[in-house]
Amino acid sequence: MKQVIATANAPAAIGPYSQAIKAGETLYISGQLPIDPATGEFAAQDIQGQTEQSLKNIGAILEEAGYAFPDVVKVTVLLADIADFGPMNQVYAKYFTGDCPARAAFAVRDLPKGARVEIEAVAWRKG
């Protein structure tokens, strides 16, 4: 069974997609831009602040679905500039400790709205 997950504590979808989809015991979270849901604007211009906001958005979606960061099994990080990898990773490490999820991180040509980072995640927990 497929269930749409949505929360006002993360930016609303701006296209034909959902913030997240729960399918069985797996939660698929769409790429999260560093948008503050209260203002609709980027929370920061630097990569650290943008990474922090993207992860806060993921946290809000996880919480809405009844999951938490330790349930995340796979993350994909898209960067507008691979030079931002180190500073992004410093912030990322605050959210994922212990048994960290699998991850891919790579640079792309452009991200929506001129963001410096976009992060998507997949979470799983036994129901």
PDB file of N, CA and C in Angstrom:
ATOM      1  N   MET A   1       0.838  -1.188   0.000  1.00  0.00           N
ATOM      2  CA  MET A   1       0.000   0.000   0.000  1.00  0.00           C
ATOM      3  C   MET A   1       0.879   1.245   0.000  1.00  0.00           C
ATOM      4  N   LYS A   2       0.506   2.220  -0.789  1.00  0.00           N
ATOM      5  CA  LYS A   2       1.259   3.464  -0.932  1.00  0.00           C
ATOM      6  C   LYS A   2       0.520   4.567  -0.194  1.00  0.00           C
ATOM      7  N   GLN A   3       1.268   5.353   0.597  1.00  0.00           N
ATOM      8  CA  GLN A   3       0.678   6.452   1.367  1.00  0.00           C
ATOM      9  C   GLN A   3       1.488   7.721   1.155  1.00  0.00           C
ATOM     10  N   VAL A   4       0.814   8.819   0.818  1.00  0.00           N
ATOM     11  CA  VAL A   4       1.472  10.116   0.667  1.00  0.00           C
ATOM     12  C   VAL A   4       1.715  10.696   2.058  1.00  0.00           C
ATOM     13  N   ILE A   5       2.925  11.195   2.281  1.00  0.00           N
ATOM     14  CA  ILE A   5       3.286  11.851   3.537  1.00  0.00           C
ATOM     15  C   ILE A   5       3.503  13.334   3.239  1.00  0.00           C
ATOM     16  N   ALA A   6       2.869  14.190   4.029  1.00  0.00           N
ATOM     17  CA  ALA A   6       3.032  15.638   3.849  1.00  0.00           C
ATOM     18  C   ALA A   6       2.965  16.318   5.208  1.00  0.00           C
ATOM     19  N   THR A   7       3.789  17.346   5.364  1.00  0.00           N
ATOM     20  CA  THR A   7       3.797  18.133   6.586  1.00  0.00           C
ATOM     21  C   THR A   7       4.007  19.600   6.244  1.00  0.00           C
ATOM     22  N   ALA A   8       3.403  20.475   7.018  1.00  0.00           N
ATOM     23  CA  ALA A   8       3.616  21.920   6.857  1.00  0.00           C
ATOM     24  C   ALA A   8       4.968  22.337   7.422  1.00  0.00           C
ATOM     25  N   ASN A   9       5.652  21.414   8.107  1.00  0.00           N
ATOM     26  CA  ASN A   9       6.955  21.721   8.709  1.00  0.00           C
ATOM     27  C   ASN A   9       8.117  21.520   7.740  1.00  0.00           C
ATOM     28  N   ALA A  10       7.804  21.241   6.488  1.00  0.00           N
ATOM     29  CA  ALA A  10       8.797  21.160   5.410  1.00  0.00           C
ATOM     30  C   ALA A  10       8.178  21.864   4.209  1.00  0.00           C
ATOM     31  N   PRO A  11       9.004  22.323   3.274  1.00  0.00           N
ATOM     32  CA  PRO A  11       8.453  23.031   2.119  1.00  0.00           C
ATOM     33  C   PRO A  11       7.454  22.163   1.344  1.00  0.00           C
ATOM     34  N   ALA A  12       6.374  22.772   0.913  1.00  0.00           N
ATOM     35  CA  ALA A  12       5.383  22.068   0.103  1.00  0.00           C
ATOM     36  C   ALA A  12       5.994  21.698  -1.247  1.00  0.00           C
ATOM     37  N   ALA A  13       5.525  20.618  -1.821  1.00  0.00           N
ATOM     38  CA  ALA A  13       5.964  20.227  -3.157  1.00  0.00           C
ATOM     39  C   ALA A  13       5.580  21.335  -4.138  1.00  0.00           C
ATOM     40  N   ILE A  14       6.491  21.677  -5.038  1.00  0.00           N
ATOM     41  CA  ILE A  14       6.233  22.756  -5.989  1.00  0.00           C
ATOM     42  C   ILE A  14       6.011  22.214  -7.395  1.00  0.00           C
ATOM     43  N   GLY A  15       5.698  20.951  -7.481  1.00  0.00           N
ATOM     44  CA  GLY A  15       5.459  20.322  -8.771  1.00  0.00           C
ATOM     45  C   GLY A  15       4.677  19.042  -8.575  1.00  0.00           C
ATOM     46  N   PRO A  16       4.648  18.212  -9.601  1.00  0.00           N
ATOM     47  CA  PRO A  16       3.882  16.969  -9.526  1.00  0.00           C
ATOM     48  C   PRO A  16       4.657  15.858  -8.800  1.00  0.00           C
ATOM     49  N   TYR A  17       4.881  16.076  -7.519  1.00  0.00           N
ATOM     50  CA  TYR A  17       5.543  15.073  -6.674  1.00  0.00           C
ATOM     51  C   TYR A  17       5.067  15.268  -5.242  1.00  0.00           C
ATOM     52  N   SER A  18       5.395  14.320  -4.392  1.00  0.00           N
ATOM     53  CA  SER A  18       5.026  14.384  -2.972  1.00  0.00           C
ATOM     54  C   SER A  18       6.271  14.620  -2.140  1.00  0.00           C
ATOM     55  N   GLN A  19       6.097  15.189  -0.950  1.00  0.00           N
ATOM     56  CA  GLN A  19       7.239  15.325  -0.045  1.00  0.00           C
ATOM     57  C   GLN A  19       7.840  13.953   0.227  1.00  0.00           C
ATOM     58  N   ALA A  20       6.971  12.972   0.425  1.00  0.00           N
ATOM     59  CA  ALA A  20       7.442  11.606   0.671  1.00  0.00           C
ATOM     60  C   ALA A  20       6.328  10.624   0.354  1.00  0.00           C
ATOM     61  N   ILE A  21       6.738   9.402   0.101  1.00  0.00           N
ATOM     62  CA  ILE A  21       5.809   8.293  -0.109  1.00  0.00           C
ATOM     63  C   ILE A  21       6.242   7.159   0.811  1.00  0.00           C
ATOM     64  N   LYS A  22       5.285   6.634   1.558  1.00  0.00           N
ATOM     65  CA  LYS A  22       5.531   5.447   2.377  1.00  0.00           C
ATOM     66  C   LYS A  22       4.966   4.260   1.618  1.00  0.00           C
ATOM     67  N   ALA A  23       5.789   3.275   1.378  1.00  0.00           N
ATOM     68  CA  ALA A  23       5.385   2.050   0.685  1.00  0.00           C
ATOM     69  C   ALA A  23       5.809   0.883   1.560  1.00  0.00           C
ATOM     70  N   GLY A  24       4.848   0.257   2.182  1.00  0.00           N
ATOM     71  CA  GLY A  24       5.177  -0.794   3.140  1.00  0.00           C
ATOM     72  C   GLY A  24       5.899  -0.173   4.322  1.00  0.00           C
ATOM     73  N   GLU A  25       7.077  -0.690   4.615  1.00  0.00           N
ATOM     74  CA  GLU A  25       7.874  -0.202   5.745  1.00  0.00           C
ATOM     75  C   GLU A  25       8.935   0.806   5.310  1.00  0.00           C
ATOM     76  N   THR A  26       8.939   1.150   4.020  1.00  0.00           N
ATOM     77  CA  THR A  26       9.964   2.037   3.462  1.00  0.00           C
ATOM     78  C   THR A  26       9.376   3.414   3.195  1.00  0.00           C
ATOM     79  N   LEU A  27      10.149   4.438   3.540  1.00  0.00           N
ATOM     80  CA  LEU A  27       9.765   5.829   3.322  1.00  0.00           C
ATOM     81  C   LEU A  27      10.737   6.442   2.326  1.00  0.00           C
ATOM     82  N   TYR A  28      10.205   6.964   1.238  1.00  0.00           N
ATOM     83  CA  TYR A  28      11.006   7.603   0.195  1.00  0.00           C
ATOM     84  C   TYR A  28      10.775   9.112   0.278  1.00  0.00           C
ATOM     85  N   ILE A  29      11.805   9.854   0.643  1.00  0.00           N
ATOM     86  CA  ILE A  29      11.685  11.308   0.809  1.00  0.00           C
ATOM     87  C   ILE A  29      12.265  12.004  -0.415  1.00  0.00           C
ATOM     88  N   SER A  30      11.454  12.838  -1.036  1.00  0.00           N
ATOM     89  CA  SER A  30      11.902  13.605  -2.200  1.00  0.00           C
ATOM     90  C   SER A  30      13.050  14.529  -1.820  1.00  0.00           C
ATOM     91  N   GLY A  31      13.813  14.932  -2.821  1.00  0.00           N
ATOM     92  CA  GLY A  31      14.909  15.860  -2.591  1.00  0.00           C
ATOM     93  C   GLY A  31      14.429  17.113  -1.890  1.00  0.00           C
ATOM     94  N   GLN A  32      15.126  17.468  -0.832  1.00  0.00           N
ATOM     95  CA  GLN A  32      14.760  18.634  -0.027  1.00  0.00           C
ATOM     96  C   GLN A  32      15.737  19.769  -0.272  1.00  0.00           C
ATOM     97  N   LEU A  33      15.191  20.859  -0.774  1.00  0.00           N
ATOM     98  CA  LEU A  33      15.979  22.077  -0.926  1.00  0.00           C
ATOM     99  C   LEU A  33      16.096  22.757   0.431  1.00  0.00           C
ATOM    100  N   PRO A  34      17.017  23.697   0.579  1.00  0.00           N
ATOM    101  CA  PRO A  34      17.215  24.376   1.866  1.00  0.00           C
ATOM    102  C   PRO A  34      16.234  25.512   2.098  1.00  0.00           C
ATOM    103  N   ILE A  35      14.971  25.254   1.857  1.00  0.00           N
ATOM    104  CA  ILE A  35      13.934  26.280   1.993  1.00  0.00           C
ATOM    105  C   ILE A  35      13.305  26.197   3.378  1.00  0.00           C
ATOM    106  N   ASP A  36      13.238  27.326   4.035  1.00  0.00           N
ATOM    107  CA  ASP A  36      12.563  27.425   5.327  1.00  0.00           C
ATOM    108  C   ASP A  36      11.060  27.414   5.047  1.00  0.00           C
ATOM    109  N   PRO A  37      10.327  26.422   5.559  1.00  0.00           N
ATOM    110  CA  PRO A  37       8.901  26.350   5.249  1.00  0.00           C
ATOM    111  C   PRO A  37       8.094  27.534   5.788  1.00  0.00           C
ATOM    112  N   ALA A  38       8.605  28.227   6.788  1.00  0.00           N
ATOM    113  CA  ALA A  38       7.893  29.376   7.362  1.00  0.00           C
ATOM    114  C   ALA A  38       7.963  30.601   6.459  1.00  0.00           C
ATOM    115  N   THR A  39       9.059  30.726   5.703  1.00  0.00           N
ATOM    116  CA  THR A  39       9.252  31.920   4.877  1.00  0.00           C
ATOM    117  C   THR A  39       9.180  31.642   3.375  1.00  0.00           C
ATOM    118  N   GLY A  40       9.404  30.390   2.989  1.00  0.00           N
ATOM    119  CA  GLY A  40       9.454  30.053   1.573  1.00  0.00           C
ATOM    120  C   GLY A  40      10.745  30.477   0.904  1.00  0.00           C
ATOM    121  N   GLU A  41      11.715  30.905   1.701  1.00  0.00           N
ATOM    122  CA  GLU A  41      13.004  31.375   1.189  1.00  0.00           C
ATOM    123  C   GLU A  41      14.129  30.474   1.689  1.00  0.00           C
ATOM    124  N   PHE A  42      15.297  30.596   1.065  1.00  0.00           N
ATOM    125  CA  PHE A  42      16.453  29.872   1.570  1.00  0.00           C
ATOM    126  C   PHE A  42      16.745  30.325   2.988  1.00  0.00           C
ATOM    127  N   ALA A  43      17.070  29.376   3.840  1.00  0.00           N
ATOM    128  CA  ALA A  43      17.387  29.682   5.233  1.00  0.00           C
ATOM    129  C   ALA A  43      18.746  30.360   5.347  1.00  0.00           C
ATOM    130  N   ALA A  44      19.621  30.131   4.367  1.00  0.00           N
ATOM    131  CA  ALA A  44      20.975  30.693   4.383  1.00  0.00           C
ATOM    132  C   ALA A  44      21.501  30.699   2.954  1.00  0.00           C
ATOM    133  N   GLN A  45      22.593  31.390   2.748  1.00  0.00           N
ATOM    134  CA  GLN A  45      23.253  31.386   1.438  1.00  0.00           C
ATOM    135  C   GLN A  45      24.477  30.479   1.424  1.00  0.00           C
ATOM    136  N   ASP A  46      25.075  30.224   2.596  1.00  0.00           N
ATOM    137  CA  ASP A  46      26.269  29.381   2.661  1.00  0.00           C
ATOM    138  C   ASP A  46      25.877  27.902   2.671  1.00  0.00           C
ATOM    139  N   ILE A  47      26.812  27.052   2.292  1.00  0.00           N
ATOM    140  CA  ILE A  47      26.531  25.618   2.183  1.00  0.00           C
ATOM    141  C   ILE A  47      26.194  24.995   3.533  1.00  0.00           C
ATOM    142  N   GLN A  48      26.819  25.451   4.609  1.00  0.00           N
ATOM    143  CA  GLN A  48      26.510  24.885   5.924  1.00  0.00           C
ATOM    144  C   GLN A  48      25.063  25.158   6.314  1.00  0.00           C
ATOM    145  N   GLY A  49      24.628  26.397   6.176  1.00  0.00           N
ATOM    146  CA  GLY A  49      23.259  26.752   6.517  1.00  0.00           C
ATOM    147  C   GLY A  49      22.247  26.080   5.608  1.00  0.00           C
ATOM    148  N   GLN A  50      22.586  25.948   4.332  1.00  0.00           N
ATOM    149  CA  GLN A  50      21.676  25.288   3.411  1.00  0.00           C
ATOM    150  C   GLN A  50      21.582  23.792   3.708  1.00  0.00           C
ATOM    151  N   THR A  51      22.703  23.163   4.029  1.00  0.00           N
ATOM    152  CA  THR A  51      22.677  21.740   4.382  1.00  0.00           C
ATOM    153  C   THR A  51      21.848  21.532   5.637  1.00  0.00           C
ATOM    154  N   GLU A  52      22.045  22.383   6.614  1.00  0.00           N
ATOM    155  CA  GLU A  52      21.287  22.301   7.872  1.00  0.00           C
ATOM    156  C   GLU A  52      19.781  22.356   7.599  1.00  0.00           C
ATOM    157  N   GLN A  53      19.349  23.299   6.755  1.00  0.00           N
ATOM    158  CA  GLN A  53      17.917  23.434   6.486  1.00  0.00           C
ATOM    159  C   GLN A  53      17.379  22.240   5.700  1.00  0.00           C
ATOM    160  N   SER A  54      18.124  21.759   4.730  1.00  0.00           N
ATOM    161  CA  SER A  54      17.673  20.580   3.985  1.00  0.00           C
ATOM    162  C   SER A  54      17.480  19.395   4.921  1.00  0.00           C
ATOM    163  N   LEU A  55      18.403  19.216   5.864  1.00  0.00           N
ATOM    164  CA  LEU A  55      18.293  18.110   6.813  1.00  0.00           C
ATOM    165  C   LEU A  55      17.170  18.339   7.829  1.00  0.00           C
ATOM    166  N   LYS A  56      16.935  19.581   8.219  1.00  0.00           N
ATOM    167  CA  LYS A  56      15.780  19.880   9.087  1.00  0.00           C
ATOM    168  C   LYS A  56      14.484  19.515   8.368  1.00  0.00           C
ATOM    169  N   ASN A  57      14.413  19.811   7.076  1.00  0.00           N
ATOM    170  CA  ASN A  57      13.228  19.472   6.301  1.00  0.00           C
ATOM    171  C   ASN A  57      13.038  17.955   6.246  1.00  0.00           C
ATOM    172  N   ILE A  58      14.122  17.233   6.042  1.00  0.00           N
ATOM    173  CA  ILE A  58      14.045  15.774   6.052  1.00  0.00           C
ATOM    174  C   ILE A  58      13.585  15.288   7.420  1.00  0.00           C
ATOM    175  N   GLY A  59      14.113  15.884   8.482  1.00  0.00           N
ATOM    176  CA  GLY A  59      13.712  15.504   9.837  1.00  0.00           C
ATOM    177  C   GLY A  59      12.228  15.709  10.079  1.00  0.00           C
ATOM    178  N   ALA A  60      11.672  16.806   9.560  1.00  0.00           N
ATOM    179  CA  ALA A  60      10.243  17.079   9.733  1.00  0.00           C
ATOM    180  C   ALA A  60       9.400  16.034   9.009  1.00  0.00           C
ATOM    181  N   ILE A  61       9.841  15.633   7.837  1.00  0.00           N
ATOM    182  CA  ILE A  61       9.108  14.614   7.076  1.00  0.00           C
ATOM    183  C   ILE A  61       9.229  13.257   7.763  1.00  0.00           C
ATOM    184  N   LEU A  62      10.431  12.932   8.219  1.00  0.00           N
ATOM    185  CA  LEU A  62      10.607  11.683   8.964  1.00  0.00           C
ATOM    186  C   LEU A  62       9.660  11.637  10.157  1.00  0.00           C
ATOM    187  N   GLU A  63       9.620  12.724  10.920  1.00  0.00           N
ATOM    188  CA  GLU A  63       8.771  12.788  12.112  1.00  0.00           C
ATOM    189  C   GLU A  63       7.292  12.628  11.757  1.00  0.00           C
ATOM    190  N   GLU A  64       6.867  13.292  10.703  1.00  0.00           N
ATOM    191  CA  GLU A  64       5.465  13.201  10.278  1.00  0.00           C
ATOM    192  C   GLU A  64       5.079  11.758   9.965  1.00  0.00           C
ATOM    193  N   ALA A  65       6.029  11.011   9.421  1.00  0.00           N
ATOM    194  CA  ALA A  65       5.758   9.623   9.038  1.00  0.00           C
ATOM    195  C   ALA A  65       6.018   8.637  10.176  1.00  0.00           C
ATOM    196  N   GLY A  66       6.514   9.128  11.319  1.00  0.00           N
ATOM    197  CA  GLY A  66       6.793   8.240  12.446  1.00  0.00           C
ATOM    198  C   GLY A  66       8.162   7.590  12.387  1.00  0.00           C
ATOM    199  N   TYR A  67       9.079   8.207  11.649  1.00  0.00           N
ATOM    200  CA  TYR A  67      10.447   7.709  11.524  1.00  0.00           C
ATOM    201  C   TYR A  67      11.395   8.702  12.200  1.00  0.00           C
ATOM    202  N   ALA A  68      12.686   8.354  12.213  1.00  0.00           N
ATOM    203  CA  ALA A  68      13.719   9.231  12.766  1.00  0.00           C
ATOM    204  C   ALA A  68      15.002   9.037  11.960  1.00  0.00           C
ATOM    205  N   PHE A  69      15.977   9.908  12.175  1.00  0.00           N
ATOM    206  CA  PHE A  69      17.228   9.815  11.416  1.00  0.00           C
ATOM    207  C   PHE A  69      17.900   8.442  11.500  1.00  0.00           C
ATOM    208  N   PRO A  70      17.882   7.739  12.632  1.00  0.00           N
ATOM    209  CA  PRO A  70      18.494   6.402  12.645  1.00  0.00           C
ATOM    210  C   PRO A  70      17.812   5.394  11.715  1.00  0.00           C
ATOM    211  N   ASP A  71      16.594   5.687  11.255  1.00  0.00           N
ATOM    212  CA  ASP A  71      15.888   4.805  10.326  1.00  0.00           C
ATOM    213  C   ASP A  71      16.315   5.006   8.868  1.00  0.00           C
ATOM    214  N   VAL A  72      17.070   6.058   8.593  1.00  0.00           N
ATOM    215  CA  VAL A  72      17.490   6.353   7.221  1.00  0.00           C
ATOM    216  C   VAL A  72      18.547   5.341   6.787  1.00  0.00           C
ATOM    217  N   VAL A  73      18.309   4.731   5.611  1.00  0.00           N
ATOM    218  CA  VAL A  73      19.218   3.699   5.106  1.00  0.00           C
ATOM    219  C   VAL A  73      20.001   4.148   3.875  1.00  0.00           C
ATOM    220  N   LYS A  74      19.515   5.191   3.181  1.00  0.00           N
ATOM    221  CA  LYS A  74      20.193   5.672   1.965  1.00  0.00           C
ATOM    222  C   LYS A  74      19.942   7.158   1.801  1.00  0.00           C
ATOM    223  N   VAL A  75      20.983   7.892   1.461  1.00  0.00           N
ATOM    224  CA  VAL A  75      20.895   9.333   1.232  1.00  0.00           C
ATOM    225  C   VAL A  75      21.594   9.659  -0.086  1.00  0.00           C
ATOM    226  N   THR A  76      21.028  10.577  -0.821  1.00  0.00           N
ATOM    227  CA  THR A  76      21.689  11.135  -1.998  1.00  0.00           C
ATOM    228  C   THR A  76      21.802  12.636  -1.796  1.00  0.00           C
ATOM    229  N   VAL A  77      23.018  13.146  -1.933  1.00  0.00           N
ATOM    230  CA  VAL A  77      23.292  14.577  -1.774  1.00  0.00           C
ATOM    231  C   VAL A  77      23.695  15.131  -3.132  1.00  0.00           C
ATOM    232  N   LEU A  78      22.964  16.119  -3.590  1.00  0.00           N
ATOM    233  CA  LEU A  78      23.299  16.806  -4.832  1.00  0.00           C
ATOM    234  C   LEU A  78      23.886  18.167  -4.481  1.00  0.00           C
ATOM    235  N   LEU A  79      25.040  18.458  -5.032  1.00  0.00           N
ATOM    236  CA  LEU A  79      25.733  19.710  -4.761  1.00  0.00           C
ATOM    237  C   LEU A  79      25.889  20.517  -6.044  1.00  0.00           C
ATOM    238  N   ALA A  80      25.715  21.814  -5.944  1.00  0.00           N
ATOM    239  CA  ALA A  80      25.944  22.683  -7.096  1.00  0.00           C
ATOM    240  C   ALA A  80      27.442  22.841  -7.357  1.00  0.00           C
ATOM    241  N   ASP A  81      28.260  22.595  -6.337  1.00  0.00           N
ATOM    242  CA  ASP A  81      29.713  22.731  -6.452  1.00  0.00           C
ATOM    243  C   ASP A  81      30.359  21.667  -5.575  1.00  0.00           C
ATOM    244  N   ILE A  82      31.126  20.770  -6.157  1.00  0.00           N
ATOM    245  CA  ILE A  82      31.742  19.686  -5.386  1.00  0.00           C
ATOM    246  C   ILE A  82      32.723  20.230  -4.344  1.00  0.00           C
ATOM    247  N   ALA A  83      33.171  21.455  -4.507  1.00  0.00           N
ATOM    248  CA  ALA A  83      34.038  22.071  -3.502  1.00  0.00           C
ATOM    249  C   ALA A  83      33.305  22.245  -2.169  1.00  0.00           C
ATOM    250  N   ASP A  84      31.980  22.193  -2.185  1.00  0.00           N
ATOM    251  CA  ASP A  84      31.186  22.308  -0.963  1.00  0.00           C
ATOM    252  C   ASP A  84      31.065  20.988  -0.206  1.00  0.00           C
ATOM    253  N   PHE A  85      31.670  19.929  -0.727  1.00  0.00           N
ATOM    254  CA  PHE A  85      31.526  18.608  -0.107  1.00  0.00           C
ATOM    255  C   PHE A  85      31.982  18.596   1.352  1.00  0.00           C
ATOM    256  N   GLY A  86      33.151  19.125   1.631  1.00  0.00           N
ATOM    257  CA  GLY A  86      33.698  19.113   3.004  1.00  0.00           C
ATOM    258  C   GLY A  86      32.802  19.840   3.997  1.00  0.00           C
ATOM    259  N   PRO A  87      32.457  21.104   3.737  1.00  0.00           N
ATOM    260  CA  PRO A  87      31.578  21.821   4.664  1.00  0.00           C
ATOM    261  C   PRO A  87      30.192  21.180   4.793  1.00  0.00           C
ATOM    262  N   MET A  88      29.655  20.632   3.681  1.00  0.00           N
ATOM    263  CA  MET A  88      28.372  19.920   3.748  1.00  0.00           C
ATOM    264  C   MET A  88      28.516  18.720   4.663  1.00  0.00           C
ATOM    265  N   ASN A  89      29.597  17.985   4.510  1.00  0.00           N
ATOM    266  CA  ASN A  89      29.814  16.759   5.271  1.00  0.00           C
ATOM    267  C   ASN A  89      29.925  17.036   6.771  1.00  0.00           C
ATOM    268  N   GLN A  90      30.474  18.172   7.154  1.00  0.00           N
ATOM    269  CA  GLN A  90      30.572  18.535   8.571  1.00  0.00           C
ATOM    270  C   GLN A  90      29.188  18.682   9.195  1.00  0.00           C
ATOM    271  N   VAL A  91      28.276  19.317   8.489  1.00  0.00           N
ATOM    272  CA  VAL A  91      26.903  19.467   8.991  1.00  0.00           C
ATOM    273  C   VAL A  91      26.192  18.121   8.965  1.00  0.00           C
ATOM    274  N   TYR A  92      26.333  17.393   7.872  1.00  0.00           N
ATOM    275  CA  TYR A  92      25.702  16.085   7.697  1.00  0.00           C
ATOM    276  C   TYR A  92      26.063  15.152   8.852  1.00  0.00           C
ATOM    277  N   ALA A  93      27.317  15.201   9.287  1.00  0.00           N
ATOM    278  CA  ALA A  93      27.800  14.311  10.355  1.00  0.00           C
ATOM    279  C   ALA A  93      27.106  14.559  11.690  1.00  0.00           C
ATOM    280  N   LYS A  94      26.498  15.720  11.876  1.00  0.00           N
ATOM    281  CA  LYS A  94      25.751  15.989  13.112  1.00  0.00           C
ATOM    282  C   LYS A  94      24.424  15.226  13.135  1.00  0.00           C
ATOM    283  N   TYR A  95      23.899  14.909  11.973  1.00  0.00           N
ATOM    284  CA  TYR A  95      22.600  14.245  11.870  1.00  0.00           C
ATOM    285  C   TYR A  95      22.720  12.725  11.772  1.00  0.00           C
ATOM    286  N   PHE A  96      23.825  12.249  11.231  1.00  0.00           N
ATOM    287  CA  PHE A  96      24.013  10.812  11.041  1.00  0.00           C
ATOM    288  C   PHE A  96      25.251  10.368  11.803  1.00  0.00           C
ATOM    289  N   THR A  97      25.030   9.644  12.884  1.00  0.00           N
ATOM    290  CA  THR A  97      26.117   9.142  13.718  1.00  0.00           C
ATOM    291  C   THR A  97      25.912   7.640  13.912  1.00  0.00           C
ATOM    292  N   GLY A  98      26.893   6.978  14.464  1.00  0.00           N
ATOM    293  CA  GLY A  98      26.745   5.541  14.693  1.00  0.00           C
ATOM    294  C   GLY A  98      26.712   4.797  13.376  1.00  0.00           C
ATOM    295  N   ASP A  99      25.679   3.998  13.173  1.00  0.00           N
ATOM    296  CA  ASP A  99      25.519   3.255  11.929  1.00  0.00           C
ATOM    297  C   ASP A  99      24.941   4.185  10.873  1.00  0.00           C
ATOM    298  N   CYS A 100      25.820   4.802  10.106  1.00  0.00           N
ATOM    299  CA  CYS A 100      25.400   5.787   9.110  1.00  0.00           C
ATOM    300  C   CYS A 100      24.778   5.103   7.892  1.00  0.00           C
ATOM    301  N   PRO A 101      23.877   5.804   7.201  1.00  0.00           N
ATOM    302  CA  PRO A 101      23.268   5.227   6.003  1.00  0.00           C
ATOM    303  C   PRO A 101      24.255   5.175   4.841  1.00  0.00           C
ATOM    304  N   ALA A 102      23.926   4.373   3.843  1.00  0.00           N
ATOM    305  CA  ALA A 102      24.654   4.422   2.578  1.00  0.00           C
ATOM    306  C   ALA A 102      24.420   5.809   1.981  1.00  0.00           C
ATOM    307  N   ARG A 103      25.384   6.285   1.180  1.00  0.00           N
ATOM    308  CA  ARG A 103      25.234   7.640   0.646  1.00  0.00           C
ATOM    309  C   ARG A 103      25.955   7.786  -0.677  1.00  0.00           C
ATOM    310  N   ALA A 104      25.384   8.589  -1.537  1.00  0.00           N
ATOM    311  CA  ALA A 104      26.049   9.068  -2.741  1.00  0.00           C
ATOM    312  C   ALA A 104      26.007  10.587  -2.680  1.00  0.00           C
ATOM    313  N   ALA A 105      27.098  11.219  -3.087  1.00  0.00           N
ATOM    314  CA  ALA A 105      27.145  12.682  -3.131  1.00  0.00           C
ATOM    315  C   ALA A 105      27.874  13.074  -4.410  1.00  0.00           C
ATOM    316  N   PHE A 106      27.240  13.927  -5.180  1.00  0.00           N
ATOM    317  CA  PHE A 106      27.888  14.346  -6.405  1.00  0.00           C
ATOM    318  C   PHE A 106      27.421  15.723  -6.825  1.00  0.00           C
ATOM    319  N   ALA A 107      28.215  16.342  -7.687  1.00  0.00           N
ATOM    320  CA  ALA A 107      27.897  17.673  -8.184  1.00  0.00           C
ATOM    321  C   ALA A 107      27.022  17.555  -9.426  1.00  0.00           C
ATOM    322  N   VAL A 108      26.114  18.486  -9.546  1.00  0.00           N
ATOM    323  CA  VAL A 108      25.247  18.574 -10.719  1.00  0.00           C
ATOM    324  C   VAL A 108      25.409  19.971 -11.321  1.00  0.00           C
ATOM    325  N   ARG A 109      24.939  20.144 -12.498  1.00  0.00           N
ATOM    326  CA  ARG A 109      25.130  21.443 -13.145  1.00  0.00           C
ATOM    327  C   ARG A 109      24.388  22.551 -12.422  1.00  0.00           C
ATOM    328  N   ASP A 110      23.119  22.353 -12.148  1.00  0.00           N
ATOM    329  CA  ASP A 110      22.299  23.357 -11.474  1.00  0.00           C
ATOM    330  C   ASP A 110      21.289  22.657 -10.582  1.00  0.00           C
ATOM    331  N   LEU A 111      20.847  23.358  -9.554  1.00  0.00           N
ATOM    332  CA  LEU A 111      19.777  22.867  -8.687  1.00  0.00           C
ATOM    333  C   LEU A 111      18.625  23.868  -8.741  1.00  0.00           C
ATOM    334  N   PRO A 112      17.399  23.415  -8.466  1.00  0.00           N
ATOM    335  CA  PRO A 112      16.258  24.327  -8.516  1.00  0.00           C
ATOM    336  C   PRO A 112      16.460  25.561  -7.636  1.00  0.00           C
ATOM    337  N   LYS A 113      15.989  26.687  -8.144  1.00  0.00           N
ATOM    338  CA  LYS A 113      16.010  27.965  -7.434  1.00  0.00           C
ATOM    339  C   LYS A 113      17.411  28.461  -7.094  1.00  0.00           C
ATOM    340  N   GLY A 114      18.433  27.857  -7.695  1.00  0.00           N
ATOM    341  CA  GLY A 114      19.805  28.267  -7.418  1.00  0.00           C
ATOM    342  C   GLY A 114      20.350  27.750  -6.100  1.00  0.00           C
ATOM    343  N   ALA A 115      19.749  26.705  -5.563  1.00  0.00           N
ATOM    344  CA  ALA A 115      20.228  26.126  -4.301  1.00  0.00           C
ATOM    345  C   ALA A 115      21.638  25.582  -4.463  1.00  0.00           C
ATOM    346  N   ARG A 116      22.342  25.488  -3.347  1.00  0.00           N
ATOM    347  CA  ARG A 116      23.681  24.909  -3.342  1.00  0.00           C
ATOM    348  C   ARG A 116      23.649  23.421  -3.023  1.00  0.00           C
ATOM    349  N   VAL A 117      22.523  22.954  -2.429  1.00  0.00           N
ATOM    350  CA  VAL A 117      22.419  21.546  -2.046  1.00  0.00           C
ATOM    351  C   VAL A 117      20.958  21.102  -2.118  1.00  0.00           C
ATOM    352  N   GLU A 118      20.779  19.832  -2.426  1.00  0.00           N
ATOM    353  CA  GLU A 118      19.478  19.173  -2.346  1.00  0.00           C
ATOM    354  C   GLU A 118      19.754  17.768  -1.820  1.00  0.00           C
ATOM    355  N   ILE A 119      18.950  17.321  -0.863  1.00  0.00           N
ATOM    356  CA  ILE A 119      19.190  16.027  -0.231  1.00  0.00           C
ATOM    357  C   ILE A 119      17.911  15.206  -0.248  1.00  0.00           C
ATOM    358  N   GLU A 120      18.023  13.952  -0.703  1.00  0.00           N
ATOM    359  CA  GLU A 120      16.908  13.014  -0.652  1.00  0.00           C
ATOM    360  C   GLU A 120      17.303  11.845   0.232  1.00  0.00           C
ATOM    361  N   ALA A 121      16.307  11.137   0.759  1.00  0.00           N
ATOM    362  CA  ALA A 121      16.602  10.042   1.682  1.00  0.00           C
ATOM    363  C   ALA A 121      15.574   8.924   1.545  1.00  0.00           C
ATOM    364  N   VAL A 122      16.017   7.740   1.929  1.00  0.00           N
ATOM    365  CA  VAL A 122      15.151   6.576   2.019  1.00  0.00           C
ATOM    366  C   VAL A 122      15.312   6.036   3.443  1.00  0.00           C
ATOM    367  N   ALA A 123      14.184   5.812   4.096  1.00  0.00           N
ATOM    368  CA  ALA A 123      14.201   5.287   5.479  1.00  0.00           C
ATOM    369  C   ALA A 123      13.437   3.970   5.528  1.00  0.00           C
ATOM    370  N   TRP A 124      13.792   3.149   6.470  1.00  0.00           N
ATOM    371  CA  TRP A 124      13.128   1.864   6.658  1.00  0.00           C
ATOM    372  C   TRP A 124      13.105   1.536   8.147  1.00  0.00           C
ATOM    373  N   ARG A 125      12.023   0.959   8.571  1.00  0.00           N
ATOM    374  CA  ARG A 125      11.954   0.408   9.925  1.00  0.00           C
ATOM    375  C   ARG A 125      10.910  -0.675   9.913  1.00  0.00           C
ATOM    376  N   LYS A 126      11.136  -1.651  10.743  1.00  0.00           N
ATOM    377  CA  LYS A 126      10.184  -2.750  10.838  1.00  0.00           C
ATOM    378  C   LYS A 126       8.915  -2.238  11.497  1.00  0.00           C
ATOM    379  N   GLY A 127       7.776  -2.498  10.863  1.00  0.00           N
ATOM    380  CA  GLY A 127       6.499  -1.986  11.315  1.00  0.00           C
ATOM    381  C   GLY A 127       5.947  -2.575  12.542  1.00  0.00           C
TER     382      GLY A 127
END
